[in-house]
Amino acid sequence: MARRITYKFKDQPREINFAKDKYHDMYQAIAAAEGIDLTNYLSMVQQIEMTSKGSASVRNFRDQEFARMGFSDVYFIKE
């Protein structure tokens, strides 16, 4: 089932389709839609997952990195 994601990229509202079979999560989908390479980000997430206890560290890192890249207000749209 296709879903939709709404987000802001550099304060410009955007909306895209999301399919779970194409992207791992909505953050990878919005980065791909904007043409951003996540290679370094994904390797850092792997390192944080190996060294931290729990998912809060990964979530905080993700939120900070995507805010630094210019993303904000990332949500699934309920239909």
PDB file of N, CA and C in Angstrom:
ATOM      1  N   MET A   1       0.846  -1.179   0.000  1.00  0.00           N
ATOM      2  CA  MET A   1       0.000   0.000   0.000  1.00  0.00           C
ATOM      3  C   MET A   1       0.890   1.241   0.000  1.00  0.00           C
ATOM      4  N   ALA A   2       0.652   2.113  -0.921  1.00  0.00           N
ATOM      5  CA  ALA A   2       1.428   3.358  -1.009  1.00  0.00           C
ATOM      6  C   ALA A   2       0.923   4.358   0.025  1.00  0.00           C
ATOM      7  N   ARG A   3       1.850   5.084   0.580  1.00  0.00           N
ATOM      8  CA  ARG A   3       1.529   6.141   1.537  1.00  0.00           C
ATOM      9  C   ARG A   3       2.088   7.438   0.999  1.00  0.00           C
ATOM     10  N   ARG A   4       1.791   8.524   1.688  1.00  0.00           N
ATOM     11  CA  ARG A   4       2.319   9.822   1.304  1.00  0.00           C
ATOM     12  C   ARG A   4       3.062  10.414   2.493  1.00  0.00           C
ATOM     13  N   ILE A   5       4.127  11.160   2.180  1.00  0.00           N
ATOM     14  CA  ILE A   5       4.927  11.822   3.201  1.00  0.00           C
ATOM     15  C   ILE A   5       4.889  13.315   2.914  1.00  0.00           C
ATOM     16  N   THR A   6       4.694  14.096   3.955  1.00  0.00           N
ATOM     17  CA  THR A   6       4.795  15.542   3.832  1.00  0.00           C
ATOM     18  C   THR A   6       5.987  16.001   4.665  1.00  0.00           C
ATOM     19  N   TYR A   7       6.706  16.987   4.154  1.00  0.00           N
ATOM     20  CA  TYR A   7       7.882  17.503   4.850  1.00  0.00           C
ATOM     21  C   TYR A   7       8.215  18.884   4.310  1.00  0.00           C
ATOM     22  N   LYS A   8       9.107  19.548   5.000  1.00  0.00           N
ATOM     23  CA  LYS A   8       9.632  20.820   4.521  1.00  0.00           C
ATOM     24  C   LYS A   8      11.120  20.640   4.258  1.00  0.00           C
ATOM     25  N   PHE A   9      11.567  21.132   3.107  1.00  0.00           N
ATOM     26  CA  PHE A   9      12.974  21.114   2.766  1.00  0.00           C
ATOM     27  C   PHE A   9      13.381  22.556   2.513  1.00  0.00           C
ATOM     28  N   LYS A  10      14.231  23.068   3.406  1.00  0.00           N
ATOM     29  CA  LYS A  10      14.652  24.472   3.360  1.00  0.00           C
ATOM     30  C   LYS A  10      13.436  25.391   3.336  1.00  0.00           C
ATOM     31  N   ASP A  11      12.501  25.105   4.252  1.00  0.00           N
ATOM     32  CA  ASP A  11      11.266  25.858   4.468  1.00  0.00           C
ATOM     33  C   ASP A  11      10.313  25.858   3.282  1.00  0.00           C
ATOM     34  N   GLN A  12      10.473  24.944   2.358  1.00  0.00           N
ATOM     35  CA  GLN A  12       9.549  24.777   1.232  1.00  0.00           C
ATOM     36  C   GLN A  12       8.747  23.494   1.460  1.00  0.00           C
ATOM     37  N   PRO A  13       7.417  23.594   1.584  1.00  0.00           N
ATOM     38  CA  PRO A  13       6.622  22.376   1.806  1.00  0.00           C
ATOM     39  C   PRO A  13       6.660  21.454   0.590  1.00  0.00           C
ATOM     40  N   ARG A  14       6.788  20.166   0.865  1.00  0.00           N
ATOM     41  CA  ARG A  14       6.853  19.159  -0.193  1.00  0.00           C
ATOM     42  C   ARG A  14       5.986  17.973   0.212  1.00  0.00           C
ATOM     43  N   GLU A  15       5.611  17.177  -0.768  1.00  0.00           N
ATOM     44  CA  GLU A  15       4.833  15.968  -0.520  1.00  0.00           C
ATOM     45  C   GLU A  15       5.235  14.929  -1.560  1.00  0.00           C
ATOM     46  N   ILE A  16       5.508  13.696  -1.103  1.00  0.00           N
ATOM     47  CA  ILE A  16       5.921  12.622  -2.013  1.00  0.00           C
ATOM     48  C   ILE A  16       5.187  11.339  -1.664  1.00  0.00           C
ATOM     49  N   ASN A  17       5.218  10.390  -2.587  1.00  0.00           N
ATOM     50  CA  ASN A  17       4.694   9.046  -2.340  1.00  0.00           C
ATOM     51  C   ASN A  17       5.773   8.219  -1.658  1.00  0.00           C
ATOM     52  N   PHE A  18       5.343   7.257  -0.867  1.00  0.00           N
ATOM     53  CA  PHE A  18       6.272   6.371  -0.169  1.00  0.00           C
ATOM     54  C   PHE A  18       5.779   4.942  -0.300  1.00  0.00           C
ATOM     55  N   ALA A  19       6.677   4.060  -0.693  1.00  0.00           N
ATOM     56  CA  ALA A  19       6.378   2.630  -0.752  1.00  0.00           C
ATOM     57  C   ALA A  19       7.447   1.887   0.047  1.00  0.00           C
ATOM     58  N   LYS A  20       7.025   1.053   0.963  1.00  0.00           N
ATOM     59  CA  LYS A  20       7.938   0.344   1.860  1.00  0.00           C
ATOM     60  C   LYS A  20       8.887  -0.592   1.096  1.00  0.00           C
ATOM     61  N   ASP A  21       8.472  -1.066  -0.075  1.00  0.00           N
ATOM     62  CA  ASP A  21       9.343  -1.977  -0.830  1.00  0.00           C
ATOM     63  C   ASP A  21      10.498  -1.255  -1.519  1.00  0.00           C
ATOM     64  N   LYS A  22      10.427   0.064  -1.639  1.00  0.00           N
ATOM     65  CA  LYS A  22      11.482   0.814  -2.314  1.00  0.00           C
ATOM     66  C   LYS A  22      12.469   1.448  -1.330  1.00  0.00           C
ATOM     67  N   TYR A  23      11.979   1.921  -0.189  1.00  0.00           N
ATOM     68  CA  TYR A  23      12.830   2.592   0.804  1.00  0.00           C
ATOM     69  C   TYR A  23      12.648   1.952   2.168  1.00  0.00           C
ATOM     70  N   HIS A  24      13.723   1.982   2.956  1.00  0.00           N
ATOM     71  CA  HIS A  24      13.701   1.393   4.293  1.00  0.00           C
ATOM     72  C   HIS A  24      12.816   2.197   5.240  1.00  0.00           C
ATOM     73  N   ASP A  25      12.912   3.519   5.185  1.00  0.00           N
ATOM     74  CA  ASP A  25      12.080   4.381   6.025  1.00  0.00           C
ATOM     75  C   ASP A  25      11.803   5.692   5.298  1.00  0.00           C
ATOM     76  N   MET A  26      10.977   6.521   5.907  1.00  0.00           N
ATOM     77  CA  MET A  26      10.574   7.762   5.239  1.00  0.00           C
ATOM     78  C   MET A  26      11.724   8.750   5.099  1.00  0.00           C
ATOM     79  N   TYR A  27      12.722   8.672   5.952  1.00  0.00           N
ATOM     80  CA  TYR A  27      13.856   9.589   5.860  1.00  0.00           C
ATOM     81  C   TYR A  27      14.714   9.285   4.635  1.00  0.00           C
ATOM     82  N   GLN A  28      14.874   8.014   4.333  1.00  0.00           N
ATOM     83  CA  GLN A  28      15.611   7.659   3.114  1.00  0.00           C
ATOM     84  C   GLN A  28      14.837   8.083   1.869  1.00  0.00           C
ATOM     85  N   ALA A  29      13.519   8.013   1.936  1.00  0.00           N
ATOM     86  CA  ALA A  29      12.689   8.410   0.794  1.00  0.00           C
ATOM     87  C   ALA A  29      12.778   9.913   0.531  1.00  0.00           C
ATOM     88  N   ILE A  30      12.744  10.722   1.586  1.00  0.00           N
ATOM     89  CA  ILE A  30      12.798  12.176   1.358  1.00  0.00           C
ATOM     90  C   ILE A  30      14.196  12.611   0.913  1.00  0.00           C
ATOM     91  N   ALA A  31      15.222  11.927   1.407  1.00  0.00           N
ATOM     92  CA  ALA A  31      16.581  12.250   0.964  1.00  0.00           C
ATOM     93  C   ALA A  31      16.742  11.905  -0.514  1.00  0.00           C
ATOM     94  N   ALA A  32      16.207  10.772  -0.930  1.00  0.00           N
ATOM     95  CA  ALA A  32      16.281  10.384  -2.338  1.00  0.00           C
ATOM     96  C   ALA A  32      15.496  11.364  -3.209  1.00  0.00           C
ATOM     97  N   ALA A  33      14.360  11.835  -2.721  1.00  0.00           N
ATOM     98  CA  ALA A  33      13.555  12.788  -3.488  1.00  0.00           C
ATOM     99  C   ALA A  33      14.296  14.102  -3.707  1.00  0.00           C
ATOM    100  N   GLU A  34      15.151  14.474  -2.768  1.00  0.00           N
ATOM    101  CA  GLU A  34      15.918  15.719  -2.876  1.00  0.00           C
ATOM    102  C   GLU A  34      17.310  15.499  -3.441  1.00  0.00           C
ATOM    103  N   GLY A  35      17.673  14.252  -3.741  1.00  0.00           N
ATOM    104  CA  GLY A  35      18.963  13.952  -4.347  1.00  0.00           C
ATOM    105  C   GLY A  35      20.142  14.026  -3.392  1.00  0.00           C
ATOM    106  N   ILE A  36      19.901  13.706  -2.128  1.00  0.00           N
ATOM    107  CA  ILE A  36      20.953  13.755  -1.110  1.00  0.00           C
ATOM    108  C   ILE A  36      21.536  12.361  -0.898  1.00  0.00           C
ATOM    109  N   ASP A  37      22.865  12.261  -0.928  1.00  0.00           N
ATOM    110  CA  ASP A  37      23.565  10.995  -0.713  1.00  0.00           C
ATOM    111  C   ASP A  37      23.664  10.729   0.790  1.00  0.00           C
ATOM    112  N   LEU A  38      23.181   9.573   1.222  1.00  0.00           N
ATOM    113  CA  LEU A  38      23.174   9.229   2.646  1.00  0.00           C
ATOM    114  C   LEU A  38      24.255   8.229   3.038  1.00  0.00           C
ATOM    115  N   THR A  39      25.252   8.026   2.235  1.00  0.00           N
ATOM    116  CA  THR A  39      26.287   7.028   2.510  1.00  0.00           C
ATOM    117  C   THR A  39      26.973   7.287   3.849  1.00  0.00           C
ATOM    118  N   ASN A  40      27.445   8.500   4.074  1.00  0.00           N
ATOM    119  CA  ASN A  40      28.128   8.813   5.337  1.00  0.00           C
ATOM    120  C   ASN A  40      27.166   8.744   6.514  1.00  0.00           C
ATOM    121  N   TYR A  41      25.952   9.221   6.316  1.00  0.00           N
ATOM    122  CA  TYR A  41      24.941   9.191   7.372  1.00  0.00           C
ATOM    123  C   TYR A  41      24.649   7.748   7.792  1.00  0.00           C
ATOM    124  N   LEU A  42      24.450   6.854   6.828  1.00  0.00           N
ATOM    125  CA  LEU A  42      24.126   5.462   7.144  1.00  0.00           C
ATOM    126  C   LEU A  42      25.268   4.741   7.845  1.00  0.00           C
ATOM    127  N   SER A  43      26.503   5.041   7.473  1.00  0.00           N
ATOM    128  CA  SER A  43      27.631   4.416   8.168  1.00  0.00           C
ATOM    129  C   SER A  43      27.732   4.915   9.607  1.00  0.00           C
ATOM    130  N   MET A  44      27.439   6.181   9.827  1.00  0.00           N
ATOM    131  CA  MET A  44      27.450   6.710  11.196  1.00  0.00           C
ATOM    132  C   MET A  44      26.321   6.099  12.023  1.00  0.00           C
ATOM    133  N   VAL A  45      25.163   5.916  11.432  1.00  0.00           N
ATOM    134  CA  VAL A  45      24.043   5.277  12.139  1.00  0.00           C
ATOM    135  C   VAL A  45      24.426   3.863  12.546  1.00  0.00           C
ATOM    136  N   GLN A  46      25.103   3.138  11.674  1.00  0.00           N
ATOM    137  CA  GLN A  46      25.558   1.789  11.998  1.00  0.00           C
ATOM    138  C   GLN A  46      26.496   1.801  13.196  1.00  0.00           C
ATOM    139  N   GLN A  47      27.416   2.749  13.234  1.00  0.00           N
ATOM    140  CA  GLN A  47      28.346   2.843  14.354  1.00  0.00           C
ATOM    141  C   GLN A  47      27.614   3.184  15.645  1.00  0.00           C
ATOM    142  N   ILE A  48      26.643   4.078  15.578  1.00  0.00           N
ATOM    143  CA  ILE A  48      25.879   4.452  16.778  1.00  0.00           C
ATOM    144  C   ILE A  48      25.074   3.261  17.266  1.00  0.00           C
ATOM    145  N   GLU A  49      24.468   2.506  16.357  1.00  0.00           N
ATOM    146  CA  GLU A  49      23.698   1.318  16.756  1.00  0.00           C
ATOM    147  C   GLU A  49      24.561   0.284  17.459  1.00  0.00           C
ATOM    148  N   MET A  50      25.812   0.139  17.014  1.00  0.00           N
ATOM    149  CA  MET A  50      26.697  -0.856  17.621  1.00  0.00           C
ATOM    150  C   MET A  50      27.175  -0.430  19.006  1.00  0.00           C
ATOM    151  N   THR A  51      27.301   0.874  19.250  1.00  0.00           N
ATOM    152  CA  THR A  51      27.876   1.332  20.509  1.00  0.00           C
ATOM    153  C   THR A  51      26.855   1.804  21.536  1.00  0.00           C
ATOM    154  N   SER A  52      25.630   2.080  21.122  1.00  0.00           N
ATOM    155  CA  SER A  52      24.663   2.627  22.069  1.00  0.00           C
ATOM    156  C   SER A  52      23.695   1.559  22.560  1.00  0.00           C
ATOM    157  N   LYS A  53      23.088   1.854  23.679  1.00  0.00           N
ATOM    158  CA  LYS A  53      22.064   0.981  24.237  1.00  0.00           C
ATOM    159  C   LYS A  53      20.712   1.658  24.002  1.00  0.00           C
ATOM    160  N   GLY A  54      19.863   1.020  23.241  1.00  0.00           N
ATOM    161  CA  GLY A  54      18.555   1.579  22.945  1.00  0.00           C
ATOM    162  C   GLY A  54      18.561   2.370  21.650  1.00  0.00           C
ATOM    163  N   SER A  55      17.376   2.787  21.250  1.00  0.00           N
ATOM    164  CA  SER A  55      17.238   3.469  19.962  1.00  0.00           C
ATOM    165  C   SER A  55      17.182   4.987  20.094  1.00  0.00           C
ATOM    166  N   ALA A  56      17.193   5.520  21.292  1.00  0.00           N
ATOM    167  CA  ALA A  56      17.097   6.971  21.475  1.00  0.00           C
ATOM    168  C   ALA A  56      18.299   7.699  20.870  1.00  0.00           C
ATOM    169  N   SER A  57      19.469   7.123  20.976  1.00  0.00           N
ATOM    170  CA  SER A  57      20.667   7.755  20.411  1.00  0.00           C
ATOM    171  C   SER A  57      20.578   7.858  18.897  1.00  0.00           C
ATOM    172  N   VAL A  58      20.120   6.791  18.259  1.00  0.00           N
ATOM    173  CA  VAL A  58      19.984   6.791  16.802  1.00  0.00           C
ATOM    174  C   VAL A  58      18.928   7.806  16.386  1.00  0.00           C
ATOM    175  N   ARG A  59      17.824   7.844  17.096  1.00  0.00           N
ATOM    176  CA  ARG A  59      16.744   8.779  16.785  1.00  0.00           C
ATOM    177  C   ARG A  59      17.204  10.223  16.933  1.00  0.00           C
ATOM    178  N   ASN A  60      17.928  10.521  17.994  1.00  0.00           N
ATOM    179  CA  ASN A  60      18.432  11.876  18.194  1.00  0.00           C
ATOM    180  C   ASN A  60      19.424  12.269  17.104  1.00  0.00           C
ATOM    181  N   PHE A  61      20.312  11.354  16.744  1.00  0.00           N
ATOM    182  CA  PHE A  61      21.267  11.620  15.677  1.00  0.00           C
ATOM    183  C   PHE A  61      20.542  11.868  14.354  1.00  0.00           C
ATOM    184  N   ARG A  62      19.569  11.031  14.047  1.00  0.00           N
ATOM    185  CA  ARG A  62      18.795  11.183  12.811  1.00  0.00           C
ATOM    186  C   ARG A  62      18.106  12.547  12.754  1.00  0.00           C
ATOM    187  N   ASP A  63      17.436  12.906  13.836  1.00  0.00           N
ATOM    188  CA  ASP A  63      16.733  14.191  13.865  1.00  0.00           C
ATOM    189  C   ASP A  63      17.689  15.362  13.681  1.00  0.00           C
ATOM    190  N   GLN A  64      18.829  15.327  14.331  1.00  0.00           N
ATOM    191  CA  GLN A  64      19.807  16.413  14.215  1.00  0.00           C
ATOM    192  C   GLN A  64      20.410  16.488  12.821  1.00  0.00           C
ATOM    193  N   GLU A  65      20.752  15.344  12.239  1.00  0.00           N
ATOM    194  CA  GLU A  65      21.363  15.334  10.910  1.00  0.00           C
ATOM    195  C   GLU A  65      20.385  15.803   9.835  1.00  0.00           C
ATOM    196  N   PHE A  66      19.145  15.359   9.905  1.00  0.00           N
ATOM    197  CA  PHE A  66      18.185  15.781   8.889  1.00  0.00           C
ATOM    198  C   PHE A  66      17.807  17.254   9.060  1.00  0.00           C
ATOM    199  N   ALA A  67      17.813  17.757  10.276  1.00  0.00           N
ATOM    200  CA  ALA A  67      17.606  19.198  10.483  1.00  0.00           C
ATOM    201  C   ALA A  67      18.780  19.977   9.906  1.00  0.00           C
ATOM    202  N   ARG A  68      19.993  19.452  10.068  1.00  0.00           N
ATOM    203  CA  ARG A  68      21.177  20.109   9.503  1.00  0.00           C
ATOM    204  C   ARG A  68      21.128  20.122   7.980  1.00  0.00           C
ATOM    205  N   MET A  69      20.578  19.066   7.386  1.00  0.00           N
ATOM    206  CA  MET A  69      20.461  18.993   5.928  1.00  0.00           C
ATOM    207  C   MET A  69      19.371  19.912   5.380  1.00  0.00           C
ATOM    208  N   GLY A  70      18.489  20.403   6.264  1.00  0.00           N
ATOM    209  CA  GLY A  70      17.444  21.324   5.822  1.00  0.00           C
ATOM    210  C   GLY A  70      16.033  20.764   5.878  1.00  0.00           C
ATOM    211  N   PHE A  71      15.854  19.578   6.452  1.00  0.00           N
ATOM    212  CA  PHE A  71      14.530  18.962   6.533  1.00  0.00           C
ATOM    213  C   PHE A  71      13.854  19.318   7.854  1.00  0.00           C
ATOM    214  N   SER A  72      12.549  19.459   7.808  1.00  0.00           N
ATOM    215  CA  SER A  72      11.773  19.649   9.036  1.00  0.00           C
ATOM    216  C   SER A  72      10.347  19.155   8.795  1.00  0.00           C
ATOM    217  N   ASP A  73       9.604  18.988   9.857  1.00  0.00           N
ATOM    218  CA  ASP A  73       8.183  18.599   9.822  1.00  0.00           C
ATOM    219  C   ASP A  73       7.944  17.379   8.929  1.00  0.00           C
ATOM    220  N   VAL A  74       8.627  16.276   9.193  1.00  0.00           N
ATOM    221  CA  VAL A  74       8.499  15.059   8.394  1.00  0.00           C
ATOM    222  C   VAL A  74       7.413  14.193   9.007  1.00  0.00           C
ATOM    223  N   TYR A  75       6.358  13.914   8.228  1.00  0.00           N
ATOM    224  CA  TYR A  75       5.220  13.138   8.720  1.00  0.00           C
ATOM    225  C   TYR A  75       4.620  12.275   7.618  1.00  0.00           C
ATOM    226  N   PHE A  76       4.049  11.129   8.030  1.00  0.00           N
ATOM    227  CA  PHE A  76       3.193  10.356   7.130  1.00  0.00           C
ATOM    228  C   PHE A  76       1.843  11.055   7.087  1.00  0.00           C
ATOM    229  N   ILE A  77       1.212  11.040   5.933  1.00  0.00           N
ATOM    230  CA  ILE A  77      -0.146  11.578   5.799  1.00  0.00           C
ATOM    231  C   ILE A  77      -1.110  10.424   5.957  1.00  0.00           C
ATOM    232  N   LYS A  78      -2.058  10.562   6.885  1.00  0.00           N
ATOM    233  CA  LYS A  78      -3.069   9.535   7.088  1.00  0.00           C
ATOM    234  C   LYS A  78      -4.163   9.717   6.043  1.00  0.00           C
ATOM    235  N   GLU A  79      -4.511   8.622   5.390  1.00  0.00           N
ATOM    236  CA  GLU A  79      -5.559   8.680   4.363  1.00  0.00           C
ATOM    237  C   GLU A  79      -6.709   7.798   4.751  1.00  0.00           C
TER     238      GLU A  79
END
